PDB file of N, CA and C in Angstrom:
ATOM      1  N   MET A   1       4.970  52.325   0.484  1.00  0.00           N
ATOM      2  CA  MET A   1       5.269  53.350  -0.499  1.00  0.00           C
ATOM      3  C   MET A   1       6.209  52.785  -1.557  1.00  0.00           C
ATOM      4  N   ASP A   2       5.870  53.027  -2.813  1.00  0.00           N
ATOM      5  CA  ASP A   2       6.729  52.585  -3.915  1.00  0.00           C
ATOM      6  C   ASP A   2       7.918  53.522  -4.040  1.00  0.00           C
ATOM      7  N   SER A   3       9.049  52.959  -4.380  1.00  0.00           N
ATOM      8  CA  SER A   3      10.208  53.810  -4.613  1.00  0.00           C
ATOM      9  C   SER A   3      10.172  54.328  -6.044  1.00  0.00           C
ATOM     10  N   ILE A   4      10.733  55.514  -6.240  1.00  0.00           N
ATOM     11  CA  ILE A   4      10.766  56.116  -7.573  1.00  0.00           C
ATOM     12  C   ILE A   4      11.755  55.339  -8.427  1.00  0.00           C
ATOM     13  N   GLY A   5      11.333  54.976  -9.608  1.00  0.00           N
ATOM     14  CA  GLY A   5      12.233  54.334 -10.554  1.00  0.00           C
ATOM     15  C   GLY A   5      11.975  52.866 -10.823  1.00  0.00           C
ATOM     16  N   THR A   6      11.045  52.253 -10.121  1.00  0.00           N
ATOM     17  CA  THR A   6      10.815  50.818 -10.332  1.00  0.00           C
ATOM     18  C   THR A   6      10.324  50.530 -11.758  1.00  0.00           C
ATOM     19  N   HIS A   7       9.475  51.404 -12.275  1.00  0.00           N
ATOM     20  CA  HIS A   7       8.971  51.201 -13.642  1.00  0.00           C
ATOM     21  C   HIS A   7      10.047  51.508 -14.676  1.00  0.00           C
ATOM     22  N   ILE A   8      10.903  52.452 -14.353  1.00  0.00           N
ATOM     23  CA  ILE A   8      12.018  52.777 -15.241  1.00  0.00           C
ATOM     24  C   ILE A   8      12.943  51.576 -15.363  1.00  0.00           C
ATOM     25  N   VAL A   9      13.227  50.931 -14.245  1.00  0.00           N
ATOM     26  CA  VAL A   9      14.089  49.740 -14.254  1.00  0.00           C
ATOM     27  C   VAL A   9      13.437  48.627 -15.065  1.00  0.00           C
ATOM     28  N   GLU A  10      12.140  48.409 -14.860  1.00  0.00           N
ATOM     29  CA  GLU A  10      11.432  47.363 -15.617  1.00  0.00           C
ATOM     30  C   GLU A  10      11.460  47.672 -17.114  1.00  0.00           C
ATOM     31  N   MET A  11      11.251  48.945 -17.466  1.00  0.00           N
ATOM     32  CA  MET A  11      11.260  49.324 -18.874  1.00  0.00           C
ATOM     33  C   MET A  11      12.645  49.117 -19.482  1.00  0.00           C
ATOM     34  N   GLN A  12      13.684  49.440 -18.721  1.00  0.00           N
ATOM     35  CA  GLN A  12      15.045  49.248 -19.221  1.00  0.00           C
ATOM     36  C   GLN A  12      15.311  47.773 -19.507  1.00  0.00           C
ATOM     37  N   GLU A  13      14.818  46.902 -18.662  1.00  0.00           N
ATOM     38  CA  GLU A  13      14.974  45.461 -18.892  1.00  0.00           C
ATOM     39  C   GLU A  13      14.233  45.032 -20.159  1.00  0.00           C
ATOM     40  N   LEU A  14      13.049  45.600 -20.386  1.00  0.00           N
ATOM     41  CA  LEU A  14      12.279  45.259 -21.580  1.00  0.00           C
ATOM     42  C   LEU A  14      12.974  45.759 -22.845  1.00  0.00           C
ATOM     43  N   VAL A  15      13.601  46.924 -22.771  1.00  0.00           N
ATOM     44  CA  VAL A  15      14.333  47.464 -23.920  1.00  0.00           C
ATOM     45  C   VAL A  15      15.436  46.498 -24.337  1.00  0.00           C
ATOM     46  N   GLN A  16      16.033  45.828 -23.373  1.00  0.00           N
ATOM     47  CA  GLN A  16      17.145  44.921 -23.642  1.00  0.00           C
ATOM     48  C   GLN A  16      16.697  43.522 -24.029  1.00  0.00           C
ATOM     49  N   THR A  17      15.386  43.255 -23.974  1.00  0.00           N
ATOM     50  CA  THR A  17      14.842  41.952 -24.314  1.00  0.00           C
ATOM     51  C   THR A  17      14.644  41.841 -25.827  1.00  0.00           C
ATOM     52  N   ILE A  18      15.172  40.799 -26.403  1.00  0.00           N
ATOM     53  CA  ILE A  18      15.056  40.570 -27.841  1.00  0.00           C
ATOM     54  C   ILE A  18      13.752  39.843 -28.138  1.00  0.00           C
ATOM     55  N   ILE A  19      13.038  40.350 -29.136  1.00  0.00           N
ATOM     56  CA  ILE A  19      11.820  39.688 -29.610  1.00  0.00           C
ATOM     57  C   ILE A  19      12.046  39.377 -31.087  1.00  0.00           C
ATOM     58  N   ASP A  20      11.977  38.099 -31.418  1.00  0.00           N
ATOM     59  CA  ASP A  20      12.207  37.676 -32.793  1.00  0.00           C
ATOM     60  C   ASP A  20      11.076  36.736 -33.210  1.00  0.00           C
ATOM     61  N   PRO A  21      10.325  37.058 -34.207  1.00  0.00           N
ATOM     62  CA  PRO A  21      10.469  38.185 -35.119  1.00  0.00           C
ATOM     63  C   PRO A  21       9.974  39.467 -34.450  1.00  0.00           C
ATOM     64  N   CYS A  22      10.516  40.564 -34.892  1.00  0.00           N
ATOM     65  CA  CYS A  22      10.206  41.878 -34.335  1.00  0.00           C
ATOM     66  C   CYS A  22       8.853  42.373 -34.862  1.00  0.00           C
ATOM     67  N   PRO A  23       7.894  42.640 -33.957  1.00  0.00           N
ATOM     68  CA  PRO A  23       6.613  43.194 -34.406  1.00  0.00           C
ATOM     69  C   PRO A  23       6.817  44.595 -34.997  1.00  0.00           C
ATOM     70  N   ALA A  24       5.951  44.998 -35.891  1.00  0.00           N
ATOM     71  CA  ALA A  24       6.080  46.294 -36.572  1.00  0.00           C
ATOM     72  C   ALA A  24       6.061  47.477 -35.607  1.00  0.00           C
ATOM     73  N   TRP A  25       5.346  47.366 -34.494  1.00  0.00           N
ATOM     74  CA  TRP A  25       5.214  48.472 -33.545  1.00  0.00           C
ATOM     75  C   TRP A  25       6.418  48.599 -32.607  1.00  0.00           C
ATOM     76  N   LEU A  26       7.251  47.572 -32.513  1.00  0.00           N
ATOM     77  CA  LEU A  26       8.318  47.556 -31.509  1.00  0.00           C
ATOM     78  C   LEU A  26       9.397  48.630 -31.697  1.00  0.00           C
ATOM     79  N   PRO A  27       9.892  48.903 -32.900  1.00  0.00           N
ATOM     80  CA  PRO A  27      10.917  49.954 -33.025  1.00  0.00           C
ATOM     81  C   PRO A  27      10.442  51.323 -32.525  1.00  0.00           C
ATOM     82  N   SER A  28       9.199  51.651 -32.793  1.00  0.00           N
ATOM     83  CA  SER A  28       8.641  52.915 -32.314  1.00  0.00           C
ATOM     84  C   SER A  28       8.565  52.931 -30.785  1.00  0.00           C
ATOM     85  N   TRP A  29       8.098  51.824 -30.205  1.00  0.00           N
ATOM     86  CA  TRP A  29       8.024  51.715 -28.745  1.00  0.00           C
ATOM     87  C   TRP A  29       9.424  51.836 -28.150  1.00  0.00           C
ATOM     88  N   GLN A  30      10.379  51.170 -28.750  1.00  0.00           N
ATOM     89  CA  GLN A  30      11.744  51.170 -28.239  1.00  0.00           C
ATOM     90  C   GLN A  30      12.353  52.578 -28.275  1.00  0.00           C
ATOM     91  N   THR A  31      12.108  53.307 -29.349  1.00  0.00           N
ATOM     92  CA  THR A  31      12.620  54.675 -29.458  1.00  0.00           C
ATOM     93  C   THR A  31      12.044  55.551 -28.351  1.00  0.00           C
ATOM     94  N   GLU A  32      10.741  55.431 -28.119  1.00  0.00           N
ATOM     95  CA  GLU A  32      10.093  56.203 -27.059  1.00  0.00           C
ATOM     96  C   GLU A  32      10.634  55.813 -25.685  1.00  0.00           C
ATOM     97  N   ALA A  33      10.810  54.526 -25.463  1.00  0.00           N
ATOM     98  CA  ALA A  33      11.327  54.045 -24.179  1.00  0.00           C
ATOM     99  C   ALA A  33      12.761  54.534 -23.946  1.00  0.00           C
ATOM    100  N   GLU A  34      13.587  54.487 -24.979  1.00  0.00           N
ATOM    101  CA  GLU A  34      14.968  54.943 -24.843  1.00  0.00           C
ATOM    102  C   GLU A  34      15.026  56.442 -24.552  1.00  0.00           C
ATOM    103  N   HIS A  35      14.108  57.204 -25.114  1.00  0.00           N
ATOM    104  CA  HIS A  35      14.044  58.632 -24.833  1.00  0.00           C
ATOM    105  C   HIS A  35      13.698  58.877 -23.365  1.00  0.00           C
ATOM    106  N   VAL A  36      12.717  58.135 -22.852  1.00  0.00           N
ATOM    107  CA  VAL A  36      12.338  58.256 -21.443  1.00  0.00           C
ATOM    108  C   VAL A  36      13.512  57.858 -20.548  1.00  0.00           C
ATOM    109  N   LEU A  37      14.234  56.802 -20.916  1.00  0.00           N
ATOM    110  CA  LEU A  37      15.402  56.386 -20.132  1.00  0.00           C
ATOM    111  C   LEU A  37      16.466  57.476 -20.101  1.00  0.00           C
ATOM    112  N   PHE A  38      16.718  58.106 -21.239  1.00  0.00           N
ATOM    113  CA  PHE A  38      17.690  59.190 -21.305  1.00  0.00           C
ATOM    114  C   PHE A  38      17.284  60.336 -20.372  1.00  0.00           C
ATOM    115  N   LEU A  39      16.013  60.735 -20.460  1.00  0.00           N
ATOM    116  CA  LEU A  39      15.523  61.815 -19.601  1.00  0.00           C
ATOM    117  C   LEU A  39      15.576  61.434 -18.120  1.00  0.00           C
ATOM    118  N   ALA A  40      15.320  60.179 -17.826  1.00  0.00           N
ATOM    119  CA  ALA A  40      15.373  59.714 -16.437  1.00  0.00           C
ATOM    120  C   ALA A  40      16.796  59.780 -15.884  1.00  0.00           C
ATOM    121  N   HIS A  41      17.767  59.410 -16.706  1.00  0.00           N
ATOM    122  CA  HIS A  41      19.164  59.505 -16.262  1.00  0.00           C
ATOM    123  C   HIS A  41      19.543  60.962 -16.012  1.00  0.00           C
ATOM    124  N   GLU A  42      19.099  61.855 -16.884  1.00  0.00           N
ATOM    125  CA  GLU A  42      19.368  63.281 -16.685  1.00  0.00           C
ATOM    126  C   GLU A  42      18.716  63.794 -15.407  1.00  0.00           C
ATOM    127  N   ALA A  43      17.474  63.410 -15.161  1.00  0.00           N
ATOM    128  CA  ALA A  43      16.761  63.841 -13.957  1.00  0.00           C
ATOM    129  C   ALA A  43      17.437  63.295 -12.697  1.00  0.00           C
ATOM    130  N   LYS A  44      17.891  62.058 -12.767  1.00  0.00           N
ATOM    131  CA  LYS A  44      18.589  61.465 -11.620  1.00  0.00           C
ATOM    132  C   LYS A  44      19.878  62.228 -11.331  1.00  0.00           C
ATOM    133  N   ASN A  45      20.655  62.513 -12.370  1.00  0.00           N
ATOM    134  CA  ASN A  45      21.916  63.240 -12.184  1.00  0.00           C
ATOM    135  C   ASN A  45      21.693  64.651 -11.654  1.00  0.00           C
ATOM    136  N   ALA A  46      20.569  65.267 -12.038  1.00  0.00           N
ATOM    137  CA  ALA A  46      20.239  66.612 -11.578  1.00  0.00           C
ATOM    138  C   ALA A  46      19.502  66.600 -10.235  1.00  0.00           C
ATOM    139  N   GLU A  47      19.234  65.407  -9.727  1.00  0.00           N
ATOM    140  CA  GLU A  47      18.481  65.224  -8.482  1.00  0.00           C
ATOM    141  C   GLU A  47      17.106  65.898  -8.551  1.00  0.00           C
ATOM    142  N   ASP A  48      16.493  65.814  -9.727  1.00  0.00           N
ATOM    143  CA  ASP A  48      15.157  66.358  -9.960  1.00  0.00           C
ATOM    144  C   ASP A  48      14.146  65.235  -9.740  1.00  0.00           C
ATOM    145  N   TYR A  49      13.757  65.049  -8.477  1.00  0.00           N
ATOM    146  CA  TYR A  49      12.930  63.897  -8.120  1.00  0.00           C
ATOM    147  C   TYR A  49      11.489  64.021  -8.600  1.00  0.00           C
ATOM    148  N   GLU A  50      10.994  65.244  -8.764  1.00  0.00           N
ATOM    149  CA  GLU A  50       9.645  65.413  -9.322  1.00  0.00           C
ATOM    150  C   GLU A  50       9.614  64.959 -10.780  1.00  0.00           C
ATOM    151  N   LYS A  51      10.618  65.358 -11.533  1.00  0.00           N
ATOM    152  CA  LYS A  51      10.690  64.941 -12.935  1.00  0.00           C
ATOM    153  C   LYS A  51      10.898  63.432 -13.026  1.00  0.00           C
ATOM    154  N   LEU A  52      11.713  62.890 -12.157  1.00  0.00           N
ATOM    155  CA  LEU A  52      11.965  61.450 -12.145  1.00  0.00           C
ATOM    156  C   LEU A  52      10.683  60.686 -11.830  1.00  0.00           C
ATOM    157  N   LYS A  53       9.894  61.213 -10.910  1.00  0.00           N
ATOM    158  CA  LYS A  53       8.615  60.572 -10.573  1.00  0.00           C
ATOM    159  C   LYS A  53       7.675  60.590 -11.779  1.00  0.00           C
ATOM    160  N   MET A  54       7.627  61.721 -12.488  1.00  0.00           N
ATOM    161  CA  MET A  54       6.790  61.834 -13.678  1.00  0.00           C
ATOM    162  C   MET A  54       7.263  60.852 -14.764  1.00  0.00           C
ATOM    163  N   LEU A  55       8.576  60.744 -14.937  1.00  0.00           N
ATOM    164  CA  LEU A  55       9.122  59.829 -15.941  1.00  0.00           C
ATOM    165  C   LEU A  55       8.880  58.374 -15.559  1.00  0.00           C
ATOM    166  N   ASP A  56       8.857  58.081 -14.264  1.00  0.00           N
ATOM    167  CA  ASP A  56       8.549  56.721 -13.815  1.00  0.00           C
ATOM    168  C   ASP A  56       7.106  56.367 -14.174  1.00  0.00           C
ATOM    169  N   GLU A  57       6.204  57.335 -14.067  1.00  0.00           N
ATOM    170  CA  GLU A  57       4.815  57.103 -14.477  1.00  0.00           C
ATOM    171  C   GLU A  57       4.717  56.886 -15.987  1.00  0.00           C
ATOM    172  N   GLU A  58       5.513  57.635 -16.744  1.00  0.00           N
ATOM    173  CA  GLU A  58       5.544  57.451 -18.197  1.00  0.00           C
ATOM    174  C   GLU A  58       6.095  56.067 -18.536  1.00  0.00           C
ATOM    175  N   ALA A  59       7.113  55.639 -17.805  1.00  0.00           N
ATOM    176  CA  ALA A  59       7.670  54.299 -18.013  1.00  0.00           C
ATOM    177  C   ALA A  59       6.616  53.236 -17.716  1.00  0.00           C
ATOM    178  N   LYS A  60       5.831  53.452 -16.688  1.00  0.00           N
ATOM    179  CA  LYS A  60       4.753  52.508 -16.346  1.00  0.00           C
ATOM    180  C   LYS A  60       3.769  52.394 -17.505  1.00  0.00           C
ATOM    181  N   ARG A  61       3.410  53.537 -18.107  1.00  0.00           N
ATOM    182  CA  ARG A  61       2.489  53.534 -19.240  1.00  0.00           C
ATOM    183  C   ARG A  61       3.080  52.754 -20.414  1.00  0.00           C
ATOM    184  N   LEU A  62       4.360  52.968 -20.673  1.00  0.00           N
ATOM    185  CA  LEU A  62       5.012  52.272 -21.784  1.00  0.00           C
ATOM    186  C   LEU A  62       5.122  50.770 -21.533  1.00  0.00           C
ATOM    187  N   VAL A  63       5.416  50.377 -20.305  1.00  0.00           N
ATOM    188  CA  VAL A  63       5.493  48.954 -19.958  1.00  0.00           C
ATOM    189  C   VAL A  63       4.125  48.303 -20.166  1.00  0.00           C
ATOM    190  N   GLU A  64       3.080  48.971 -19.678  1.00  0.00           N
ATOM    191  CA  GLU A  64       1.724  48.423 -19.838  1.00  0.00           C
ATOM    192  C   GLU A  64       1.330  48.337 -21.310  1.00  0.00           C
ATOM    193  N   LYS A  65       1.716  49.348 -22.084  1.00  0.00           N
ATOM    194  CA  LYS A  65       1.421  49.349 -23.520  1.00  0.00           C
ATOM    195  C   LYS A  65       2.083  48.174 -24.215  1.00  0.00           C
ATOM    196  N   ARG A  66       3.343  47.933 -23.883  1.00  0.00           N
ATOM    197  CA  ARG A  66       4.071  46.822 -24.508  1.00  0.00           C
ATOM    198  C   ARG A  66       3.443  45.488 -24.131  1.00  0.00           C
ATOM    199  N   LYS A  67       3.137  45.316 -22.859  1.00  0.00           N
ATOM    200  CA  LYS A  67       2.531  44.060 -22.404  1.00  0.00           C
ATOM    201  C   LYS A  67       1.180  43.831 -23.084  1.00  0.00           C
ATOM    202  N   ALA A  68       0.392  44.902 -23.211  1.00  0.00           N
ATOM    203  CA  ALA A  68      -0.914  44.778 -23.860  1.00  0.00           C
ATOM    204  C   ALA A  68      -0.766  44.357 -25.322  1.00  0.00           C
ATOM    205  N   LYS A  69       0.186  44.951 -26.016  1.00  0.00           N
ATOM    206  CA  LYS A  69       0.384  44.596 -27.424  1.00  0.00           C
ATOM    207  C   LYS A  69       0.908  43.162 -27.573  1.00  0.00           C
ATOM    208  N   LEU A  70       1.797  42.767 -26.701  1.00  0.00           N
ATOM    209  CA  LEU A  70       2.348  41.408 -26.796  1.00  0.00           C
ATOM    210  C   LEU A  70       1.320  40.344 -26.485  1.00  0.00           C
ATOM    211  N   PHE A  71       0.395  40.665 -25.609  1.00  0.00           N
ATOM    212  CA  PHE A  71      -0.590  39.673 -25.203  1.00  0.00           C
ATOM    213  C   PHE A  71      -1.937  39.873 -25.882  1.00  0.00           C
ATOM    214  N   GLY A  72      -1.946  40.699 -26.951  1.00  0.00           N
ATOM    215  CA  GLY A  72      -3.126  40.834 -27.797  1.00  0.00           C
ATOM    216  C   GLY A  72      -4.252  41.649 -27.231  1.00  0.00           C
ATOM    217  N   LYS A  73      -3.993  42.438 -26.185  1.00  0.00           N
ATOM    218  CA  LYS A  73      -5.040  43.281 -25.630  1.00  0.00           C
ATOM    219  C   LYS A  73      -5.064  44.600 -26.370  1.00  0.00           C
ATOM    220  N   ARG A  74      -6.181  45.263 -26.310  1.00  0.00           N
ATOM    221  CA  ARG A  74      -6.319  46.538 -27.008  1.00  0.00           C
ATOM    222  C   ARG A  74      -5.538  47.619 -26.299  1.00  0.00           C
ATOM    223  N   ASP A  75      -5.023  48.572 -27.086  1.00  0.00           N
ATOM    224  CA  ASP A  75      -4.304  49.736 -26.577  1.00  0.00           C
ATOM    225  C   ASP A  75      -5.271  50.615 -25.776  1.00  0.00           C
ATOM    226  N   LYS A  76      -4.781  51.174 -24.680  1.00  0.00           N
ATOM    227  CA  LYS A  76      -5.626  52.042 -23.860  1.00  0.00           C
ATOM    228  C   LYS A  76      -5.630  53.449 -24.388  1.00  0.00           C
TER     229      LYS A  76
END
């Protein structure tokens, strides 16, 4: 069984990773990722594990989206 939050942690690490030169799509991705991180921290503090699980799935989608764009694959 996967623990809740693994994708959130991976996304947080990606947010902190510098890419130079910055692709045009990255600021938008970063804003969305930071919003998910904020909501995840709120859900964790409120012990809302259903919301945290949903946000972890959203983080997974964002991580996959970033990897696809960086490696030239088409957006899903």
